[in-house]
Amino acid sequence: LGDGVAWEGAQAAGDDVAVHWLNL
């Protein structure tokens, strides 16, 4: 199922990504 959804993409490993939790 996963924990959330990446709000915006990330170009590479280590980039910051905002996660919208599935339980919100």
mmCIF file of all heavy atoms, coordinates in Angstrom:
data_MODEL
# 
_entry.id   MODEL 
# 
loop_
_atom_site.group_PDB 
_atom_site.id 
_atom_site.type_symbol 
_atom_site.label_atom_id 
_atom_site.label_alt_id 
_atom_site.label_comp_id 
_atom_site.label_asym_id 
_atom_site.label_entity_id 
_atom_site.label_seq_id 
_atom_site.pdbx_PDB_ins_code 
_atom_site.Cartn_x 
_atom_site.Cartn_y 
_atom_site.Cartn_z 
_atom_site.occupancy 
_atom_site.B_iso_or_equiv 
_atom_site.pdbx_formal_charge 
_atom_site.auth_seq_id 
_atom_site.auth_comp_id 
_atom_site.auth_asym_id 
_atom_site.auth_atom_id 
_atom_site.pdbx_PDB_model_num 
ATOM 1   N N   . LEU A 1 1  ? 0.840  -1.196 0.000   1.00 0.00 ? 1  LEU A N   1 
ATOM 2   C CA  . LEU A 1 1  ? 0.000  0.000  0.000   1.00 0.00 ? 1  LEU A CA  1 
ATOM 3   C C   . LEU A 1 1  ? 0.874  1.244  0.000   1.00 0.00 ? 1  LEU A C   1 
ATOM 4   O O   . LEU A 1 1  ? 0.632  2.195  -0.746  1.00 0.00 ? 1  LEU A O   1 
ATOM 5   C CB  . LEU A 1 1  ? -0.921 -0.002 1.225   1.00 0.00 ? 1  LEU A CB  1 
ATOM 6   C CG  . LEU A 1 1  ? -1.779 1.238  1.433   1.00 0.00 ? 1  LEU A CG  1 
ATOM 7   C CD1 . LEU A 1 1  ? -2.747 1.437  0.274   1.00 0.00 ? 1  LEU A CD1 1 
ATOM 8   C CD2 . LEU A 1 1  ? -2.526 1.144  2.755   1.00 0.00 ? 1  LEU A CD2 1 
ATOM 9   N N   . GLY A 1 2  ? 1.922  1.253  0.822   1.00 0.00 ? 2  GLY A N   1 
ATOM 10  C CA  . GLY A 1 2  ? 2.779  2.421  0.967   1.00 0.00 ? 2  GLY A CA  1 
ATOM 11  C C   . GLY A 1 2  ? 2.359  3.245  2.172   1.00 0.00 ? 2  GLY A C   1 
ATOM 12  O O   . GLY A 1 2  ? 1.358  2.956  2.834   1.00 0.00 ? 2  GLY A O   1 
ATOM 13  N N   . ASP A 1 3  ? 3.133  4.278  2.451   1.00 0.00 ? 3  ASP A N   1 
ATOM 14  C CA  . ASP A 1 3  ? 2.875  5.156  3.587   1.00 0.00 ? 3  ASP A CA  1 
ATOM 15  C C   . ASP A 1 3  ? 2.287  6.492  3.163   1.00 0.00 ? 3  ASP A C   1 
ATOM 16  O O   . ASP A 1 3  ? 1.609  7.153  3.948   1.00 0.00 ? 3  ASP A O   1 
ATOM 17  C CB  . ASP A 1 3  ? 4.180  5.420  4.352   1.00 0.00 ? 3  ASP A CB  1 
ATOM 18  C CG  . ASP A 1 3  ? 4.773  4.145  4.908   1.00 0.00 ? 3  ASP A CG  1 
ATOM 19  O OD1 . ASP A 1 3  ? 4.025  3.343  5.499   1.00 0.00 ? 3  ASP A OD1 1 
ATOM 20  O OD2 . ASP A 1 3  ? 5.989  3.942  4.746   1.00 0.00 ? 3  ASP A OD2 1 
ATOM 21  N N   . GLY A 1 4  ? 2.587  6.921  1.962   1.00 0.00 ? 4  GLY A N   1 
ATOM 22  C CA  . GLY A 1 4  ? 2.124  8.224  1.507   1.00 0.00 ? 4  GLY A CA  1 
ATOM 23  C C   . GLY A 1 4  ? 2.344  8.387  0.023   1.00 0.00 ? 4  GLY A C   1 
ATOM 24  O O   . GLY A 1 4  ? 2.635  7.426  -0.686  1.00 0.00 ? 4  GLY A O   1 
ATOM 25  N N   . VAL A 1 5  ? 2.224  9.641  -0.426  1.00 0.00 ? 5  VAL A N   1 
ATOM 26  C CA  . VAL A 1 5  ? 2.389  9.970  -1.839  1.00 0.00 ? 5  VAL A CA  1 
ATOM 27  C C   . VAL A 1 5  ? 3.437  11.073 -1.953  1.00 0.00 ? 5  VAL A C   1 
ATOM 28  O O   . VAL A 1 5  ? 3.374  12.071 -1.219  1.00 0.00 ? 5  VAL A O   1 
ATOM 29  C CB  . VAL A 1 5  ? 1.047  10.435 -2.451  1.00 0.00 ? 5  VAL A CB  1 
ATOM 30  C CG1 . VAL A 1 5  ? 1.233  10.985 -3.859  1.00 0.00 ? 5  VAL A CG1 1 
ATOM 31  C CG2 . VAL A 1 5  ? 0.044  9.291  -2.469  1.00 0.00 ? 5  VAL A CG2 1 
ATOM 32  N N   . ALA A 1 6  ? 4.398  10.895 -2.846  1.00 0.00 ? 6  ALA A N   1 
ATOM 33  C CA  . ALA A 1 6  ? 5.401  11.931 -3.106  1.00 0.00 ? 6  ALA A CA  1 
ATOM 34  C C   . ALA A 1 6  ? 4.687  13.105 -3.764  1.00 0.00 ? 6  ALA A C   1 
ATOM 35  O O   . ALA A 1 6  ? 4.126  12.961 -4.849  1.00 0.00 ? 6  ALA A O   1 
ATOM 36  C CB  . ALA A 1 6  ? 6.506  11.395 -4.011  1.00 0.00 ? 6  ALA A CB  1 
ATOM 37  N N   . TRP A 1 7  ? 4.678  14.245 -3.078  1.00 0.00 ? 7  TRP A N   1 
ATOM 38  C CA  . TRP A 1 7  ? 3.928  15.396 -3.577  1.00 0.00 ? 7  TRP A CA  1 
ATOM 39  C C   . TRP A 1 7  ? 4.538  15.917 -4.865  1.00 0.00 ? 7  TRP A C   1 
ATOM 40  O O   . TRP A 1 7  ? 3.835  16.259 -5.796  1.00 0.00 ? 7  TRP A O   1 
ATOM 41  C CB  . TRP A 1 7  ? 3.889  16.469 -2.502  1.00 0.00 ? 7  TRP A CB  1 
ATOM 42  C CG  . TRP A 1 7  ? 2.649  17.278 -2.570  1.00 0.00 ? 7  TRP A CG  1 
ATOM 43  C CD1 . TRP A 1 7  ? 2.571  18.618 -2.815  1.00 0.00 ? 7  TRP A CD1 1 
ATOM 44  C CD2 . TRP A 1 7  ? 1.306  16.834 -2.409  1.00 0.00 ? 7  TRP A CD2 1 
ATOM 45  N NE1 . TRP A 1 7  ? 1.262  19.018 -2.808  1.00 0.00 ? 7  TRP A NE1 1 
ATOM 46  C CE2 . TRP A 1 7  ? 0.459  17.941 -2.563  1.00 0.00 ? 7  TRP A CE2 1 
ATOM 47  C CE3 . TRP A 1 7  ? 0.733  15.594 -2.151  1.00 0.00 ? 7  TRP A CE3 1 
ATOM 48  C CZ2 . TRP A 1 7  ? -0.918 17.848 -2.473  1.00 0.00 ? 7  TRP A CZ2 1 
ATOM 49  C CZ3 . TRP A 1 7  ? -0.646 15.504 -2.055  1.00 0.00 ? 7  TRP A CZ3 1 
ATOM 50  C CH2 . TRP A 1 7  ? -1.452 16.629 -2.215  1.00 0.00 ? 7  TRP A CH2 1 
ATOM 51  N N   . GLU A 1 8  ? 5.850  16.002 -4.897  1.00 0.00 ? 8  GLU A N   1 
ATOM 52  C CA  . GLU A 1 8  ? 6.567  16.378 -6.108  1.00 0.00 ? 8  GLU A CA  1 
ATOM 53  C C   . GLU A 1 8  ? 7.632  15.320 -6.341  1.00 0.00 ? 8  GLU A C   1 
ATOM 54  O O   . GLU A 1 8  ? 8.003  14.599 -5.428  1.00 0.00 ? 8  GLU A O   1 
ATOM 55  C CB  . GLU A 1 8  ? 7.208  17.750 -5.958  1.00 0.00 ? 8  GLU A CB  1 
ATOM 56  C CG  . GLU A 1 8  ? 6.189  18.864 -5.815  1.00 0.00 ? 8  GLU A CG  1 
ATOM 57  C CD  . GLU A 1 8  ? 6.822  20.229 -5.643  1.00 0.00 ? 8  GLU A CD  1 
ATOM 58  O OE1 . GLU A 1 8  ? 8.065  20.305 -5.468  1.00 0.00 ? 8  GLU A OE1 1 
ATOM 59  O OE2 . GLU A 1 8  ? 6.073  21.213 -5.656  1.00 0.00 ? 8  GLU A OE2 1 
ATOM 60  N N   . GLY A 1 9  ? 8.140  15.231 -7.537  1.00 0.00 ? 9  GLY A N   1 
ATOM 61  C CA  . GLY A 1 9  ? 9.144  14.230 -7.833  1.00 0.00 ? 9  GLY A CA  1 
ATOM 62  C C   . GLY A 1 9  ? 10.508 14.582 -7.270  1.00 0.00 ? 9  GLY A C   1 
ATOM 63  O O   . GLY A 1 9  ? 10.726 15.679 -6.754  1.00 0.00 ? 9  GLY A O   1 
ATOM 64  N N   . ALA A 1 10 ? 11.423 13.648 -7.338  1.00 0.00 ? 10 ALA A N   1 
ATOM 65  C CA  . ALA A 1 10 ? 12.815 13.839 -6.944  1.00 0.00 ? 10 ALA A CA  1 
ATOM 66  C C   . ALA A 1 10 ? 13.678 13.401 -8.116  1.00 0.00 ? 10 ALA A C   1 
ATOM 67  O O   . ALA A 1 10 ? 13.477 12.321 -8.660  1.00 0.00 ? 10 ALA A O   1 
ATOM 68  C CB  . ALA A 1 10 ? 13.130 13.015 -5.700  1.00 0.00 ? 10 ALA A CB  1 
ATOM 69  N N   . GLN A 1 11 ? 14.623 14.249 -8.505  1.00 0.00 ? 11 GLN A N   1 
ATOM 70  C CA  . GLN A 1 11 ? 15.484 13.944 -9.647  1.00 0.00 ? 11 GLN A CA  1 
ATOM 71  C C   . GLN A 1 11 ? 16.449 12.796 -9.369  1.00 0.00 ? 11 GLN A C   1 
ATOM 72  O O   . GLN A 1 11 ? 16.798 12.051 -10.270 1.00 0.00 ? 11 GLN A O   1 
ATOM 73  C CB  . GLN A 1 11 ? 16.274 15.189 -10.061 1.00 0.00 ? 11 GLN A CB  1 
ATOM 74  C CG  . GLN A 1 11 ? 15.407 16.308 -10.583 1.00 0.00 ? 11 GLN A CG  1 
ATOM 75  C CD  . GLN A 1 11 ? 14.738 15.945 -11.895 1.00 0.00 ? 11 GLN A CD  1 
ATOM 76  O OE1 . GLN A 1 11 ? 15.359 15.354 -12.778 1.00 0.00 ? 11 GLN A OE1 1 
ATOM 77  N NE2 . GLN A 1 11 ? 13.473 16.272 -12.025 1.00 0.00 ? 11 GLN A NE2 1 
ATOM 78  N N   . ALA A 1 12 ? 16.873 12.675 -8.096  1.00 0.00 ? 12 ALA A N   1 
ATOM 79  C CA  . ALA A 1 12 ? 17.866 11.659 -7.757  1.00 0.00 ? 12 ALA A CA  1 
ATOM 80  C C   . ALA A 1 12 ? 17.768 11.297 -6.282  1.00 0.00 ? 12 ALA A C   1 
ATOM 81  O O   . ALA A 1 12 ? 17.149 12.015 -5.494  1.00 0.00 ? 12 ALA A O   1 
ATOM 82  C CB  . ALA A 1 12 ? 19.271 12.189 -8.058  1.00 0.00 ? 12 ALA A CB  1 
ATOM 83  N N   . ALA A 1 13 ? 18.385 10.188 -5.924  1.00 0.00 ? 13 ALA A N   1 
ATOM 84  C CA  . ALA A 1 13 ? 18.457 9.794  -4.518  1.00 0.00 ? 13 ALA A CA  1 
ATOM 85  C C   . ALA A 1 13 ? 19.115 10.916 -3.723  1.00 0.00 ? 13 ALA A C   1 
ATOM 86  O O   . ALA A 1 13 ? 20.056 11.551 -4.189  1.00 0.00 ? 13 ALA A O   1 
ATOM 87  C CB  . ALA A 1 13 ? 19.260 8.507  -4.376  1.00 0.00 ? 13 ALA A CB  1 
ATOM 88  N N   . GLY A 1 14 ? 18.576 11.181 -2.540  1.00 0.00 ? 14 GLY A N   1 
ATOM 89  C CA  . GLY A 1 14 ? 19.105 12.231 -1.686  1.00 0.00 ? 14 GLY A CA  1 
ATOM 90  C C   . GLY A 1 14 ? 18.354 13.548 -1.805  1.00 0.00 ? 14 GLY A C   1 
ATOM 91  O O   . GLY A 1 14 ? 18.429 14.384 -0.912  1.00 0.00 ? 14 GLY A O   1 
ATOM 92  N N   . ASP A 1 15 ? 17.640 13.768 -2.908  1.00 0.00 ? 15 ASP A N   1 
ATOM 93  C CA  . ASP A 1 15 ? 16.834 14.986 -3.046  1.00 0.00 ? 15 ASP A CA  1 
ATOM 94  C C   . ASP A 1 15 ? 15.690 14.957 -2.030  1.00 0.00 ? 15 ASP A C   1 
ATOM 95  O O   . ASP A 1 15 ? 15.166 13.887 -1.715  1.00 0.00 ? 15 ASP A O   1 
ATOM 96  C CB  . ASP A 1 15 ? 16.225 15.089 -4.451  1.00 0.00 ? 15 ASP A CB  1 
ATOM 97  C CG  . ASP A 1 15 ? 17.242 15.408 -5.529  1.00 0.00 ? 15 ASP A CG  1 
ATOM 98  O OD1 . ASP A 1 15 ? 18.409 15.700 -5.194  1.00 0.00 ? 15 ASP A OD1 1 
ATOM 99  O OD2 . ASP A 1 15 ? 16.861 15.356 -6.717  1.00 0.00 ? 15 ASP A OD2 1 
ATOM 100 N N   . ASP A 1 16 ? 15.308 16.120 -1.532  1.00 0.00 ? 16 ASP A N   1 
ATOM 101 C CA  . ASP A 1 16 ? 14.181 16.207 -0.613  1.00 0.00 ? 16 ASP A CA  1 
ATOM 102 C C   . ASP A 1 16 ? 12.865 16.023 -1.358  1.00 0.00 ? 16 ASP A C   1 
ATOM 103 O O   . ASP A 1 16 ? 12.701 16.526 -2.481  1.00 0.00 ? 16 ASP A O   1 
ATOM 104 C CB  . ASP A 1 16 ? 14.160 17.565 0.095   1.00 0.00 ? 16 ASP A CB  1 
ATOM 105 C CG  . ASP A 1 16 ? 15.218 17.679 1.176   1.00 0.00 ? 16 ASP A CG  1 
ATOM 106 O OD1 . ASP A 1 16 ? 15.717 16.640 1.639   1.00 0.00 ? 16 ASP A OD1 1 
ATOM 107 O OD2 . ASP A 1 16 ? 15.535 18.817 1.555   1.00 0.00 ? 16 ASP A OD2 1 
ATOM 108 N N   . VAL A 1 17 ? 11.947 15.299 -0.724  1.00 0.00 ? 17 VAL A N   1 
ATOM 109 C CA  . VAL A 1 17 ? 10.620 15.096 -1.302  1.00 0.00 ? 17 VAL A CA  1 
ATOM 110 C C   . VAL A 1 17 ? 9.589  15.191 -0.176  1.00 0.00 ? 17 VAL A C   1 
ATOM 111 O O   . VAL A 1 17 ? 9.767  14.614 0.893   1.00 0.00 ? 17 VAL A O   1 
ATOM 112 C CB  . VAL A 1 17 ? 10.525 13.746 -2.060  1.00 0.00 ? 17 VAL A CB  1 
ATOM 113 C CG1 . VAL A 1 17 ? 10.787 12.564 -1.166  1.00 0.00 ? 17 VAL A CG1 1 
ATOM 114 C CG2 . VAL A 1 17 ? 9.201  13.604 -2.765  1.00 0.00 ? 17 VAL A CG2 1 
ATOM 115 N N   . ALA A 1 18 ? 8.537  15.968 -0.416  1.00 0.00 ? 18 ALA A N   1 
ATOM 116 C CA  . ALA A 1 18 ? 7.443  16.087 0.547   1.00 0.00 ? 18 ALA A CA  1 
ATOM 117 C C   . ALA A 1 18 ? 6.506  14.901 0.373   1.00 0.00 ? 18 ALA A C   1 
ATOM 118 O O   . ALA A 1 18 ? 6.108  14.566 -0.744  1.00 0.00 ? 18 ALA A O   1 
ATOM 119 C CB  . ALA A 1 18 ? 6.681  17.396 0.342   1.00 0.00 ? 18 ALA A CB  1 
ATOM 120 N N   . VAL A 1 19 ? 6.166  14.269 1.485   1.00 0.00 ? 19 VAL A N   1 
ATOM 121 C CA  . VAL A 1 19 ? 5.290  13.103 1.460   1.00 0.00 ? 19 VAL A CA  1 
ATOM 122 C C   . VAL A 1 19 ? 3.962  13.462 2.113   1.00 0.00 ? 19 VAL A C   1 
ATOM 123 O O   . VAL A 1 19 ? 3.918  13.941 3.242   1.00 0.00 ? 19 VAL A O   1 
ATOM 124 C CB  . VAL A 1 19 ? 5.943  11.915 2.202   1.00 0.00 ? 19 VAL A CB  1 
ATOM 125 C CG1 . VAL A 1 19 ? 4.982  10.728 2.291   1.00 0.00 ? 19 VAL A CG1 1 
ATOM 126 C CG2 . VAL A 1 19 ? 7.231  11.509 1.511   1.00 0.00 ? 19 VAL A CG2 1 
ATOM 127 N N   . HIS A 1 20 ? 2.876  13.246 1.377   1.00 0.00 ? 20 HIS A N   1 
ATOM 128 C CA  . HIS A 1 20 ? 1.518  13.424 1.894   1.00 0.00 ? 20 HIS A CA  1 
ATOM 129 C C   . HIS A 1 20 ? 1.074  12.055 2.416   1.00 0.00 ? 20 HIS A C   1 
ATOM 130 O O   . HIS A 1 20 ? 0.962  11.102 1.657   1.00 0.00 ? 20 HIS A O   1 
ATOM 131 C CB  . HIS A 1 20 ? 0.588  13.892 0.770   1.00 0.00 ? 20 HIS A CB  1 
ATOM 132 C CG  . HIS A 1 20 ? -0.828 14.077 1.190   1.00 0.00 ? 20 HIS A CG  1 
ATOM 133 N ND1 . HIS A 1 20 ? -1.303 15.289 1.626   1.00 0.00 ? 20 HIS A ND1 1 
ATOM 134 C CD2 . HIS A 1 20 ? -1.863 13.215 1.254   1.00 0.00 ? 20 HIS A CD2 1 
ATOM 135 C CE1 . HIS A 1 20 ? -2.576 15.167 1.941   1.00 0.00 ? 20 HIS A CE1 1 
ATOM 136 N NE2 . HIS A 1 20 ? -2.941 13.915 1.718   1.00 0.00 ? 20 HIS A NE2 1 
ATOM 137 N N   . TRP A 1 21 ? 0.869  11.944 3.726   1.00 0.00 ? 21 TRP A N   1 
ATOM 138 C CA  . TRP A 1 21 ? 0.516  10.660 4.337   1.00 0.00 ? 21 TRP A CA  1 
ATOM 139 C C   . TRP A 1 21 ? -0.839 10.163 3.858   1.00 0.00 ? 21 TRP A C   1 
ATOM 140 O O   . TRP A 1 21 ? -1.772 10.944 3.668   1.00 0.00 ? 21 TRP A O   1 
ATOM 141 C CB  . TRP A 1 21 ? 0.508  10.781 5.860   1.00 0.00 ? 21 TRP A CB  1 
ATOM 142 C CG  . TRP A 1 21 ? 1.829  11.192 6.397   1.00 0.00 ? 21 TRP A CG  1 
ATOM 143 C CD1 . TRP A 1 21 ? 2.122  12.360 7.030   1.00 0.00 ? 21 TRP A CD1 1 
ATOM 144 C CD2 . TRP A 1 21 ? 3.053  10.465 6.328   1.00 0.00 ? 21 TRP A CD2 1 
ATOM 145 N NE1 . TRP A 1 21 ? 3.451  12.396 7.354   1.00 0.00 ? 21 TRP A NE1 1 
ATOM 146 C CE2 . TRP A 1 21 ? 4.047  11.245 6.938   1.00 0.00 ? 21 TRP A CE2 1 
ATOM 147 C CE3 . TRP A 1 21 ? 3.409  9.233  5.800   1.00 0.00 ? 21 TRP A CE3 1 
ATOM 148 C CZ2 . TRP A 1 21 ? 5.367  10.823 7.040   1.00 0.00 ? 21 TRP A CZ2 1 
ATOM 149 C CZ3 . TRP A 1 21 ? 4.724  8.812  5.914   1.00 0.00 ? 21 TRP A CZ3 1 
ATOM 150 C CH2 . TRP A 1 21 ? 5.679  9.603  6.527   1.00 0.00 ? 21 TRP A CH2 1 
ATOM 151 N N   . LEU A 1 22 ? -0.970 8.867  3.684   1.00 0.00 ? 22 LEU A N   1 
ATOM 152 C CA  . LEU A 1 22 ? -2.230 8.283  3.224   1.00 0.00 ? 22 LEU A CA  1 
ATOM 153 C C   . LEU A 1 22 ? -3.342 8.378  4.256   1.00 0.00 ? 22 LEU A C   1 
ATOM 154 O O   . LEU A 1 22 ? -4.508 8.285  3.906   1.00 0.00 ? 22 LEU A O   1 
ATOM 155 C CB  . LEU A 1 22 ? -2.027 6.809  2.823   1.00 0.00 ? 22 LEU A CB  1 
ATOM 156 C CG  . LEU A 1 22 ? -1.155 6.573  1.590   1.00 0.00 ? 22 LEU A CG  1 
ATOM 157 C CD1 . LEU A 1 22 ? -1.045 5.089  1.301   1.00 0.00 ? 22 LEU A CD1 1 
ATOM 158 C CD2 . LEU A 1 22 ? -1.695 7.315  0.382   1.00 0.00 ? 22 LEU A CD2 1 
ATOM 159 N N   . ASN A 1 23 ? -2.988 8.585  5.537   1.00 0.00 ? 23 ASN A N   1 
ATOM 160 C CA  . ASN A 1 23 ? -4.030 8.647  6.561   1.00 0.00 ? 23 ASN A CA  1 
ATOM 161 C C   . ASN A 1 23 ? -4.538 10.068 6.810   1.00 0.00 ? 23 ASN A C   1 
ATOM 162 O O   . ASN A 1 23 ? -5.374 10.268 7.687   1.00 0.00 ? 23 ASN A O   1 
ATOM 163 C CB  . ASN A 1 23 ? -3.535 8.025  7.875   1.00 0.00 ? 23 ASN A CB  1 
ATOM 164 C CG  . ASN A 1 23 ? -2.410 8.814  8.515   1.00 0.00 ? 23 ASN A CG  1 
ATOM 165 O OD1 . ASN A 1 23 ? -1.760 9.628  7.864   1.00 0.00 ? 23 ASN A OD1 1 
ATOM 166 N ND2 . ASN A 1 23 ? -2.170 8.564  9.789   1.00 0.00 ? 23 ASN A ND2 1 
ATOM 167 N N   . LEU A 1 24 ? -4.059 11.054 6.046   1.00 0.00 ? 24 LEU A N   1 
ATOM 168 C CA  . LEU A 1 24 ? -4.558 12.418 6.206   1.00 0.00 ? 24 LEU A CA  1 
ATOM 169 C C   . LEU A 1 24 ? -5.965 12.519 5.611   1.00 0.00 ? 24 LEU A C   1 
ATOM 170 O O   . LEU A 1 24 ? -6.306 11.785 4.687   1.00 0.00 ? 24 LEU A O   1 
ATOM 171 C CB  . LEU A 1 24 ? -3.628 13.421 5.517   1.00 0.00 ? 24 LEU A CB  1 
ATOM 172 C CG  . LEU A 1 24 ? -2.263 13.596 6.163   1.00 0.00 ? 24 LEU A CG  1 
ATOM 173 C CD1 . LEU A 1 24 ? -1.388 14.525 5.310   1.00 0.00 ? 24 LEU A CD1 1 
ATOM 174 C CD2 . LEU A 1 24 ? -2.401 14.163 7.567   1.00 0.00 ? 24 LEU A CD2 1 
# 
